[in-house]
Amino acid sequence: MKMRLGFSPCVLRSILLVTAAVFTSVSFCTFSSAQTRTIVPQPAHKPTFYRDVLPILQDHCQSCHRPGAIAPMPFVTYQQTKPWAAAIKLAVTSKDMPPWFADPRFGKFSNDPSLTPEQIKTISDWVSAGALAGLAKEALPPKQWTTGWNIPQPDKIVQMPVPVPIPAHGDIEYTYEIVPTGFTEDQWVQFSEIRPSSPQYVHHAVVYVRPPNSTWLRPAQLSTPFTASSFSDPKLRAEAHETTTDMLLVYAPGSEPDRWPDGVAKFIPAGSDLVFQMHYTANGTAGTDQTGVGMVFAKQSPKQRVLTLQLTNHTFIIPPRTKDYRVEVWGTLPNDCTLLSFFPHMHLRGQAFEYNILHSDGTMETLLRLNHYHFHWQLSYRLAEPRFLKAGTKLQAVAWFDNTEDNPHNPNPNVEVRWGGQTYEEMMVGFFDVAVPANMDKEQFFVRH
């Protein structure tokens, strides 16, 4: 299967249940006979930061809200958190934070960071009671983070050797940089994370694995930034936008690292190169970026290999001033596999997205539905229970777009919108990860029997 290049495809947190404040007493206010009696419940204790709120922040917020991470303010200490108490209450009660867009009626996901109603109430009561600190001795030990990473300390970091200059204005063509891994033996990657040095410019980043027997982009110079237009050969220019090779990882606003369970990993053959595809967006200030990827290797050879596949429709035309514009695509699996996760991708007019199985009896089974899509929070959705799918299973992806003035992110509701790499254009890609036998590569997977 050829893969269309060019997209901007999103923070694993475990859920720690925090016991809600229970109401054990009430106070009665007595009025005259002309008045009614009001019962005002009083909590057994007022929530405090160290005892009640910090555990929630550690498990649901600090992956972004800590020094050096993507969020603009840290929530590690009481002094850092208290000034934002009212904003935190508003964000969690409105369920804007932590970001999560999966409809709870369809599927269960292991990386769902949503707060429980009890946790939301704890934070709300804490703010309403004055955002008290409490006793520091009641705090849990600080959560240990790897400096600069949301994965364990990488065994290998591969960084683009040459920084890419980014202009202050104008469209920026996709930039590529091919970097040798230097691997002298095959490697199984269990954890991986892309880290731009200047994320404010990065619309998306994709790291592809180019094995030593691949002819893809071979004329390109290693360790030097280039674009498709830098080739004089039309065939090479086209080749820069299509590939059959597998991808290691994707980065987009709000996306998270890859973390695979024991026995499952991505494969990088000895002698491979990593191909960085970078889509930068000008923001009015010139700068540079030097993106890298960190990898943690599996301790033992896994039984299953992860492949990233996609359902893509790039022939749509969204009319001006149109809402609920529907685009779909489907395909059948060529071999048995185990479905692991989803990663839907659209641009600023993206409205909703879903994945379905179309059964032979005409029924449809929804695996994931996003009633709301947010370009700045492009999340992965990892199945809590991986799903075995037999060869021939028919998968469908459906996207809806809002090209009206009601969409606050819409750059221009008065234009016809087609597929394109720039943010003001659109894309419709339903990425999904599957596990196959460790000895099966992507080319073998697409051999139909």
Protein backbone atom coordinates (compact mmCIF):
# COMPACT_ATOMS: atom_id res chain seq x y z
CA MET A 1 0.00 0.00 0.00
CA LYS A 2 1.38 3.40 -0.92
CA MET A 3 1.26 5.93 1.84
CA ARG A 4 0.43 9.54 1.18
CA LEU A 5 2.92 11.75 2.98
CA GLY A 6 2.11 15.01 4.62
CA PHE A 7 -0.16 15.35 7.56
CA SER A 8 -0.29 16.77 11.08
CA PRO A 9 -1.66 13.91 13.04
CA CYS A 10 -1.52 13.70 20.02
CA VAL A 11 -0.56 12.15 26.88
CA LEU A 12 -0.68 8.78 28.61
CA ARG A 13 -1.77 9.22 32.20
CA SER A 14 -2.88 6.53 34.65
CA ILE A 15 -6.02 7.20 36.65
CA LEU A 16 -5.69 7.44 40.39
CA LEU A 17 -9.01 7.43 42.15
CA VAL A 18 -9.19 10.08 44.83
CA THR A 19 -11.87 9.60 47.43
CA ALA A 20 -14.38 12.41 47.26
CA ALA A 21 -15.29 14.43 50.27
CA VAL A 22 -18.28 12.78 51.90
CA PHE A 23 -20.96 14.79 53.59
CA THR A 24 -21.43 13.58 57.15
CA SER A 25 -23.10 16.55 58.74
CA VAL A 26 -25.57 19.27 57.90
CA SER A 27 -26.28 22.59 59.50
CA PHE A 28 -29.82 23.87 59.85
CA CYS A 29 -30.72 27.53 59.58
CA THR A 30 -34.02 28.35 61.36
CA PHE A 31 -36.24 31.10 59.99
CA SER A 32 -39.59 32.57 60.96
CA SER A 33 -42.78 30.76 60.01
CA ALA A 34 -43.01 32.86 56.85
CA GLN A 35 -39.68 31.58 55.66
CA THR A 36 -38.51 28.22 54.40
CA ARG A 37 -35.78 26.16 56.05
CA THR A 38 -32.58 25.77 54.03
CA ILE A 39 -30.33 22.72 54.44
CA VAL A 40 -26.71 23.54 53.63
CA PRO A 41 -24.45 20.47 53.39
CA GLN A 42 -21.00 20.86 54.88
CA PRO A 43 -18.11 18.64 53.81
CA ALA A 44 -16.44 16.42 56.38
CA HIS A 45 -13.16 18.13 55.53
CA LYS A 46 -12.02 20.82 53.19
CA PRO A 47 -9.83 19.44 50.40
CA THR A 48 -6.21 20.52 50.53
CA PHE A 49 -3.54 20.68 47.87
CA TYR A 50 -1.08 18.19 49.34
CA ARG A 51 -3.57 15.56 50.45
CA ASP A 52 -6.30 15.72 47.79
CA VAL A 53 -5.33 17.72 44.71
CA LEU A 54 -1.66 16.92 44.11
CA PRO A 55 -2.28 13.20 43.40
CA ILE A 56 -4.73 14.18 40.65
CA LEU A 57 -2.28 16.65 39.14
CA GLN A 58 0.52 14.08 39.20
CA ASP A 59 -1.44 11.49 37.26
CA HIS A 60 -3.46 13.68 34.93
CA CYS A 61 -1.70 17.02 34.42
CA GLN A 62 2.03 16.99 35.10
CA SER A 63 2.94 15.11 31.93
CA CYS A 64 2.32 18.50 30.27
CA HIS A 65 2.29 20.86 33.25
CA ARG A 66 5.85 20.58 34.53
CA PRO A 67 9.08 22.51 33.83
CA GLY A 68 10.36 21.85 30.32
CA ALA A 69 7.13 20.25 29.11
CA ILE A 70 4.67 21.58 26.54
CA ALA A 71 2.25 23.44 28.85
CA PRO A 72 2.98 27.12 29.55
CA MET A 73 2.73 26.76 33.33
CA PRO A 74 3.81 23.97 35.75
CA PHE A 75 1.53 22.41 38.38
CA VAL A 76 4.18 20.63 40.43
CA THR A 77 4.25 22.71 43.63
CA TYR A 78 1.57 24.50 45.60
CA GLN A 79 3.19 27.86 44.85
CA GLN A 80 3.05 27.15 41.10
CA THR A 81 -0.53 25.87 41.17
CA LYS A 82 -2.46 28.21 43.46
CA PRO A 83 -2.42 31.26 41.12
CA TRP A 84 -4.16 29.10 38.50
CA ALA A 85 -6.71 27.55 40.86
CA ALA A 86 -9.78 29.28 39.39
CA ALA A 87 -8.68 28.48 35.83
CA ILE A 88 -8.08 24.84 36.77
CA LYS A 89 -11.57 24.58 38.27
CA LEU A 90 -13.12 26.02 35.11
CA ALA A 91 -11.10 23.69 32.85
CA VAL A 92 -11.95 20.48 34.72
CA THR A 93 -15.62 21.25 35.38
CA SER A 94 -16.12 22.07 31.69
CA LYS A 95 -14.12 18.93 30.83
CA ASP A 96 -11.82 20.92 28.55
CA MET A 97 -8.94 19.44 30.53
CA PRO A 98 -7.50 16.90 30.45
CA PRO A 99 -8.23 16.83 26.70
CA TRP A 100 -10.14 13.74 25.55
CA PHE A 101 -12.69 13.54 22.75
CA ALA A 102 -13.79 9.90 22.53
CA ASP A 103 -17.53 9.27 22.87
CA PRO A 104 -17.77 7.02 25.98
CA ARG A 105 -20.49 4.93 24.33
CA PHE A 106 -17.99 3.38 21.93
CA GLY A 107 -14.90 1.53 23.10
CA LYS A 108 -12.69 1.65 26.17
CA PHE A 109 -9.21 3.13 25.93
CA SER A 110 -6.18 2.56 28.13
CA ASN A 111 -4.89 6.13 27.80
CA ASP A 112 -8.15 7.87 28.68
CA PRO A 113 -7.05 10.69 31.03
CA SER A 114 -10.56 11.83 31.92
CA LEU A 115 -11.19 12.74 35.53
CA THR A 116 -13.85 10.91 37.47
CA PRO A 117 -16.81 12.92 38.80
CA GLU A 118 -15.27 12.53 42.28
CA GLN A 119 -11.96 13.99 41.13
CA ILE A 120 -13.67 16.92 39.43
CA LYS A 121 -15.61 17.60 42.62
CA THR A 122 -12.45 17.42 44.71
CA ILE A 123 -10.76 20.11 42.63
CA SER A 124 -13.90 22.25 42.53
CA ASP A 125 -14.37 22.03 46.30
CA TRP A 126 -10.69 22.79 46.85
CA VAL A 127 -10.92 26.01 44.85
CA SER A 128 -14.24 27.02 46.40
CA ALA A 129 -12.81 26.54 49.91
CA GLY A 130 -9.91 28.89 49.20
CA ALA A 131 -7.33 26.59 47.55
CA LEU A 132 -5.78 25.59 50.88
CA ALA A 133 -2.27 24.13 50.98
CA GLY A 134 -2.73 21.70 53.85
CA LEU A 135 0.15 19.77 55.37
CA ALA A 136 3.16 19.12 53.17
CA LYS A 137 3.83 15.87 55.03
CA GLU A 138 0.59 14.46 53.57
CA ALA A 139 1.85 14.78 50.00
CA LEU A 140 2.78 11.78 47.91
CA PRO A 141 6.41 11.58 46.83
CA PRO A 142 7.07 13.71 43.71
CA LYS A 143 6.48 11.87 40.47
CA GLN A 144 9.75 11.02 38.78
CA TRP A 145 10.02 12.29 35.21
CA THR A 146 12.86 11.83 32.77
CA THR A 147 14.18 15.31 32.08
CA GLY A 148 13.04 16.41 28.65
CA TRP A 149 11.11 13.22 27.92
CA ASN A 150 7.74 11.59 28.61
CA ILE A 151 9.29 8.15 28.15
CA PRO A 152 12.03 6.47 30.21
CA GLN A 153 15.56 7.66 29.54
CA PRO A 154 16.15 6.81 25.86
CA ASP A 155 18.68 4.16 24.92
CA LYS A 156 19.28 6.04 21.67
CA ILE A 157 18.59 9.61 20.54
CA VAL A 158 18.76 10.43 16.84
CA GLN A 159 18.64 14.15 16.07
CA MET A 160 18.64 15.96 12.76
CA PRO A 161 22.31 17.02 12.43
CA VAL A 162 21.57 20.31 10.65
CA PRO A 163 19.09 22.87 12.09
CA VAL A 164 16.37 23.92 9.66
CA PRO A 165 15.95 27.71 9.15
CA ILE A 166 12.31 28.81 9.37
CA PRO A 167 11.18 32.10 7.80
CA ALA A 168 8.91 34.52 9.59
CA HIS A 169 6.23 34.49 6.89
CA GLY A 170 4.88 32.46 3.98
CA ASP A 171 4.14 28.82 3.22
CA ILE A 172 6.95 26.41 4.03
CA GLU A 173 7.49 23.35 1.86
CA TYR A 174 7.83 20.02 3.63
CA THR A 175 11.43 19.59 4.75
CA TYR A 176 13.22 16.23 4.88
CA GLU A 177 16.40 15.16 6.60
CA ILE A 178 17.73 11.60 6.35
CA VAL A 179 19.85 10.48 9.29
CA PRO A 180 21.70 7.14 9.57
CA THR A 181 20.92 5.26 12.78
CA GLY A 182 24.33 3.60 12.95
CA PHE A 183 22.63 0.42 14.15
CA THR A 184 24.92 -2.56 13.58
CA GLU A 185 22.21 -4.99 14.67
CA ASP A 186 18.42 -5.11 14.47
CA GLN A 187 16.58 -3.10 17.12
CA TRP A 188 13.10 -3.47 18.60
CA VAL A 189 11.73 -0.13 19.83
CA GLN A 190 9.21 -0.34 22.67
CA PHE A 191 9.01 3.38 23.53
CA SER A 192 9.65 6.34 21.24
CA GLU A 193 9.08 10.09 21.35
CA ILE A 194 9.68 12.94 18.89
CA ARG A 195 10.96 16.17 20.46
CA PRO A 196 11.18 19.31 18.28
CA SER A 197 13.61 21.90 19.57
CA SER A 198 11.13 24.62 18.51
CA PRO A 199 7.62 23.12 18.73
CA GLN A 200 6.01 26.50 18.07
CA TYR A 201 6.86 26.04 14.37
CA VAL A 202 5.99 22.36 13.99
CA HIS A 203 2.68 21.56 12.30
CA HIS A 204 3.69 17.90 12.25
CA ALA A 205 6.72 15.63 12.20
CA VAL A 206 6.93 12.07 10.95
CA VAL A 207 9.89 9.75 11.34
CA TYR A 208 10.04 6.95 8.77
CA VAL A 209 12.25 3.87 8.92
CA ARG A 210 14.21 3.42 5.67
CA PRO A 211 15.70 -0.09 5.73
CA PRO A 212 19.02 -0.69 3.95
CA ASN A 213 17.36 -2.44 0.99
CA SER A 214 14.95 0.46 0.30
CA THR A 215 15.45 2.62 -2.79
CA TRP A 216 13.27 5.43 -1.43
CA LEU A 217 14.95 8.85 -1.83
CA ARG A 218 18.38 7.29 -2.31
CA PRO A 219 19.70 10.18 -4.44
CA ALA A 220 19.10 12.59 -1.53
CA GLN A 221 22.15 13.61 0.45
CA LEU A 222 22.32 12.29 4.01
CA SER A 223 22.15 14.59 7.04
CA THR A 224 21.20 17.63 4.94
CA PRO A 225 17.77 19.31 4.84
CA PHE A 226 16.01 19.16 1.47
CA THR A 227 12.56 19.58 -0.09
CA ALA A 228 10.82 17.82 -2.94
CA SER A 229 11.30 20.84 -5.20
CA SER A 230 15.07 20.59 -4.74
CA PHE A 231 15.04 17.57 -7.08
CA SER A 232 15.19 18.22 -10.82
CA ASP A 233 13.85 14.72 -11.55
CA PRO A 234 10.00 14.75 -11.53
CA LYS A 235 10.02 11.11 -10.41
CA LEU A 236 12.02 11.99 -7.31
CA ARG A 237 9.76 14.95 -6.57
CA ALA A 238 6.75 12.63 -6.64
CA GLU A 239 8.60 10.00 -4.60
CA ALA A 240 9.07 12.48 -1.76
CA HIS A 241 5.30 12.45 -1.26
CA GLU A 242 4.67 8.71 -1.39
CA THR A 243 6.26 5.72 0.29
CA THR A 244 5.52 2.14 1.24
CA THR A 245 7.96 2.13 4.16
CA ASP A 246 6.73 1.97 7.72
CA MET A 247 6.75 4.93 10.06
CA LEU A 248 8.35 4.87 13.47
CA LEU A 249 6.32 7.66 15.02
CA VAL A 250 4.23 10.77 14.42
CA TYR A 251 4.31 14.11 16.25
CA ALA A 252 1.52 16.70 16.11
CA PRO A 253 0.12 19.25 18.56
CA GLY A 254 -1.07 17.40 21.63
CA SER A 255 0.18 14.00 20.49
CA GLU A 256 1.89 11.57 22.82
CA PRO A 257 4.80 9.13 22.66
CA ASP A 258 4.47 5.52 21.59
CA ARG A 259 4.45 3.09 24.49
CA TRP A 260 3.96 -0.56 23.62
CA PRO A 261 3.36 -3.34 26.15
CA ASP A 262 5.89 -6.11 26.72
CA GLY A 263 6.08 -8.47 23.78
CA VAL A 264 5.10 -5.78 21.24
CA ALA A 265 7.45 -3.30 19.51
CA LYS A 266 8.39 -1.52 16.30
CA PHE A 267 11.27 -2.87 14.25
CA ILE A 268 14.32 -1.06 12.87
CA PRO A 269 16.65 -3.27 10.82
CA ALA A 270 20.40 -2.92 11.19
CA GLY A 271 21.81 -0.31 8.81
CA SER A 272 18.54 1.63 8.54
CA ASP A 273 18.17 5.38 8.16
CA LEU A 274 15.52 7.53 9.81
CA VAL A 275 13.76 9.92 7.45
CA PHE A 276 12.47 13.03 9.22
CA GLN A 277 9.56 14.67 7.42
CA MET A 278 8.94 18.11 8.92
CA HIS A 279 6.03 20.41 8.20
CA TYR A 280 6.79 23.84 9.60
CA THR A 281 4.39 26.78 9.84
CA ALA A 282 5.58 30.39 9.95
CA ASN A 283 4.35 32.38 12.94
CA GLY A 284 5.71 35.88 12.28
CA THR A 285 9.10 35.30 13.87
CA ALA A 286 12.02 33.64 12.13
CA GLY A 287 13.83 30.81 13.89
CA THR A 288 15.31 27.33 13.56
CA ASP A 289 14.37 23.80 14.55
CA GLN A 290 16.42 20.67 15.16
CA THR A 291 14.04 17.81 15.90
CA GLY A 292 15.15 14.53 17.46
CA VAL A 293 13.62 11.19 18.37
CA GLY A 294 14.32 9.18 21.52
CA MET A 295 14.01 5.40 21.58
CA VAL A 296 13.87 2.82 24.36
CA PHE A 297 14.67 -0.69 23.17
CA ALA A 298 12.74 -3.79 24.20
CA LYS A 299 14.63 -5.91 26.70
CA GLN A 300 13.69 -9.11 24.84
CA SER A 301 12.75 -9.87 21.26
CA PRO A 302 8.98 -9.41 21.04
CA LYS A 303 6.47 -11.86 19.63
CA GLN A 304 4.60 -9.17 17.70
CA ARG A 305 5.59 -6.28 15.46
CA VAL A 306 3.62 -3.04 15.25
CA LEU A 307 2.70 -1.66 11.84
CA THR A 308 1.10 1.75 11.31
CA LEU A 309 -1.55 1.68 8.57
CA GLN A 310 -4.00 4.25 7.28
CA LEU A 311 -7.32 4.85 5.61
CA THR A 312 -7.05 7.97 3.45
CA ASN A 313 -9.39 9.88 1.15
CA HIS A 314 -7.73 12.73 -0.73
CA THR A 315 -10.31 13.30 -3.50
CA PHE A 316 -12.86 15.37 -1.56
CA ILE A 317 -13.93 18.96 -2.29
CA ILE A 318 -15.55 20.82 0.62
CA PRO A 319 -17.92 23.54 -0.66
CA PRO A 320 -17.82 27.03 0.86
CA ARG A 321 -20.03 27.75 3.88
CA THR A 322 -20.82 24.06 4.40
CA LYS A 323 -21.24 22.28 7.72
CA ASP A 324 -21.31 18.53 8.44
CA TYR A 325 -19.55 17.75 5.16
CA ARG A 326 -19.01 13.99 5.18
CA VAL A 327 -15.98 12.17 3.73
CA GLU A 328 -15.48 8.41 4.03
CA VAL A 329 -13.05 5.69 3.02
CA TRP A 330 -12.90 1.94 3.62
CA GLY A 331 -10.59 -0.98 3.02
CA THR A 332 -10.20 -4.67 3.84
CA LEU A 333 -7.38 -6.18 5.85
CA PRO A 334 -5.16 -8.46 3.76
CA ASN A 335 -4.07 -10.61 6.72
CA ASP A 336 -5.01 -11.40 10.30
CA CYS A 337 -3.84 -8.79 12.81
CA THR A 338 -4.56 -7.34 16.22
CA LEU A 339 -5.93 -3.81 16.30
CA LEU A 340 -4.12 -1.67 18.90
CA SER A 341 -4.93 2.02 18.48
CA PHE A 342 -6.31 4.87 16.35
CA PHE A 343 -4.94 8.26 15.36
CA PRO A 344 -7.38 10.41 13.33
CA HIS A 345 -6.07 13.41 11.45
CA MET A 346 -7.65 16.47 9.86
CA HIS A 347 -6.82 20.19 9.76
CA LEU A 348 -8.63 23.29 11.00
CA ARG A 349 -12.02 22.47 9.47
CA GLY A 350 -12.11 19.03 11.10
CA GLN A 351 -15.35 18.56 13.00
CA ALA A 352 -15.80 14.87 13.91
CA PHE A 353 -14.32 11.46 13.09
CA GLU A 354 -15.13 7.79 13.56
CA TYR A 355 -13.83 4.30 12.80
CA ASN A 356 -16.19 1.42 12.06
CA ILE A 357 -16.21 -2.26 11.15
CA LEU A 358 -18.61 -2.94 8.28
CA HIS A 359 -19.84 -6.48 8.81
CA SER A 360 -20.85 -8.79 5.96
CA ASP A 361 -24.47 -8.87 7.16
CA GLY A 362 -24.78 -5.11 6.55
CA THR A 363 -24.44 -4.02 10.18
CA MET A 364 -21.91 -1.48 11.37
CA GLU A 365 -19.87 -1.61 14.58
CA THR A 366 -18.37 1.68 15.78
CA LEU A 367 -14.92 1.31 17.32
CA LEU A 368 -14.19 4.98 18.04
CA ARG A 369 -16.24 8.13 17.64
CA LEU A 370 -15.01 11.67 18.17
CA ASN A 371 -17.97 14.00 18.42
CA HIS A 372 -15.49 16.86 18.48
CA TYR A 373 -12.12 17.09 16.72
CA HIS A 374 -9.50 19.59 17.87
CA PHE A 375 -6.54 20.37 15.63
CA HIS A 376 -4.38 21.44 18.58
CA TRP A 377 -5.06 18.23 20.52
CA GLN A 378 -4.45 15.40 18.08
CA LEU A 379 -4.63 12.40 20.34
CA SER A 380 -4.04 8.69 20.03
CA TYR A 381 -6.75 6.34 21.26
CA ARG A 382 -5.32 3.03 22.50
CA LEU A 383 -7.73 0.16 22.97
CA ALA A 384 -7.91 -1.12 26.53
CA GLU A 385 -8.42 -4.59 25.07
CA PRO A 386 -6.68 -5.08 21.70
CA ARG A 387 -9.05 -6.49 19.08
CA PHE A 388 -8.14 -9.48 16.91
CA LEU A 389 -9.32 -8.97 13.31
CA LYS A 390 -9.38 -11.64 10.65
CA ALA A 391 -8.19 -11.12 7.09
CA GLY A 392 -10.97 -9.61 5.01
CA THR A 393 -12.35 -7.45 7.82
CA LYS A 394 -13.76 -4.27 6.29
CA LEU A 395 -12.68 -1.11 8.13
CA GLN A 396 -14.24 2.28 7.49
CA ALA A 397 -13.14 5.78 8.49
CA VAL A 398 -15.58 8.71 8.31
CA ALA A 399 -14.77 12.39 8.79
CA TRP A 400 -16.98 15.46 9.00
CA PHE A 401 -15.84 19.01 8.24
CA ASP A 402 -17.17 22.43 9.21
CA ASN A 403 -16.38 25.06 6.57
CA THR A 404 -18.60 27.78 8.03
CA GLU A 405 -18.12 30.91 10.08
CA ASP A 406 -19.45 28.95 13.08
CA ASN A 407 -16.08 27.17 13.19
CA PRO A 408 -13.79 29.54 15.15
CA HIS A 409 -10.68 27.89 13.68
CA ASN A 410 -11.78 28.20 10.06
CA PRO A 411 -9.26 30.35 8.12
CA ASN A 412 -11.82 31.24 5.42
CA PRO A 413 -15.38 29.88 5.16
CA ASN A 414 -15.88 31.41 1.72
CA VAL A 415 -13.49 29.17 -0.23
CA GLU A 416 -13.69 25.67 -1.67
CA VAL A 417 -11.34 23.37 0.26
CA ARG A 418 -9.37 20.42 -1.12
CA TRP A 419 -6.65 18.06 0.07
CA GLY A 420 -3.36 19.81 0.73
CA GLY A 421 -0.37 19.91 3.02
CA GLN A 422 -0.79 23.45 4.36
CA THR A 423 -2.89 24.09 7.43
CA TYR A 424 -5.46 26.17 5.56
CA GLU A 425 -6.05 23.19 3.26
CA GLU A 426 -7.48 19.89 4.52
CA MET A 427 -6.65 16.23 5.05
CA MET A 428 -8.61 13.12 5.93
CA VAL A 429 -6.44 10.32 7.35
CA GLY A 430 -7.47 7.55 9.69
CA PHE A 431 -4.24 6.10 11.03
CA PHE A 432 -4.40 2.88 13.02
CA ASP A 433 -1.80 0.55 14.56
CA VAL A 434 -1.92 -3.22 14.31
CA ALA A 435 0.23 -6.02 15.73
CA VAL A 436 1.35 -8.85 13.43
CA PRO A 437 3.82 -11.72 13.89
CA ALA A 438 7.31 -10.43 14.57
CA ASN A 439 8.69 -11.93 11.36
CA MET A 440 6.10 -10.20 9.10
CA ASP A 441 7.08 -6.87 7.57
CA LYS A 442 4.74 -4.35 5.96
CA GLU A 443 5.28 -5.64 2.43
CA GLN A 444 4.47 -9.19 3.52
CA PHE A 445 1.37 -8.01 5.38
CA PHE A 446 -0.12 -6.66 2.17
CA VAL A 447 0.26 -9.95 0.30
CA ARG A 448 -3.30 -11.26 0.09
CA HIS A 449 -3.84 -14.99 0.27
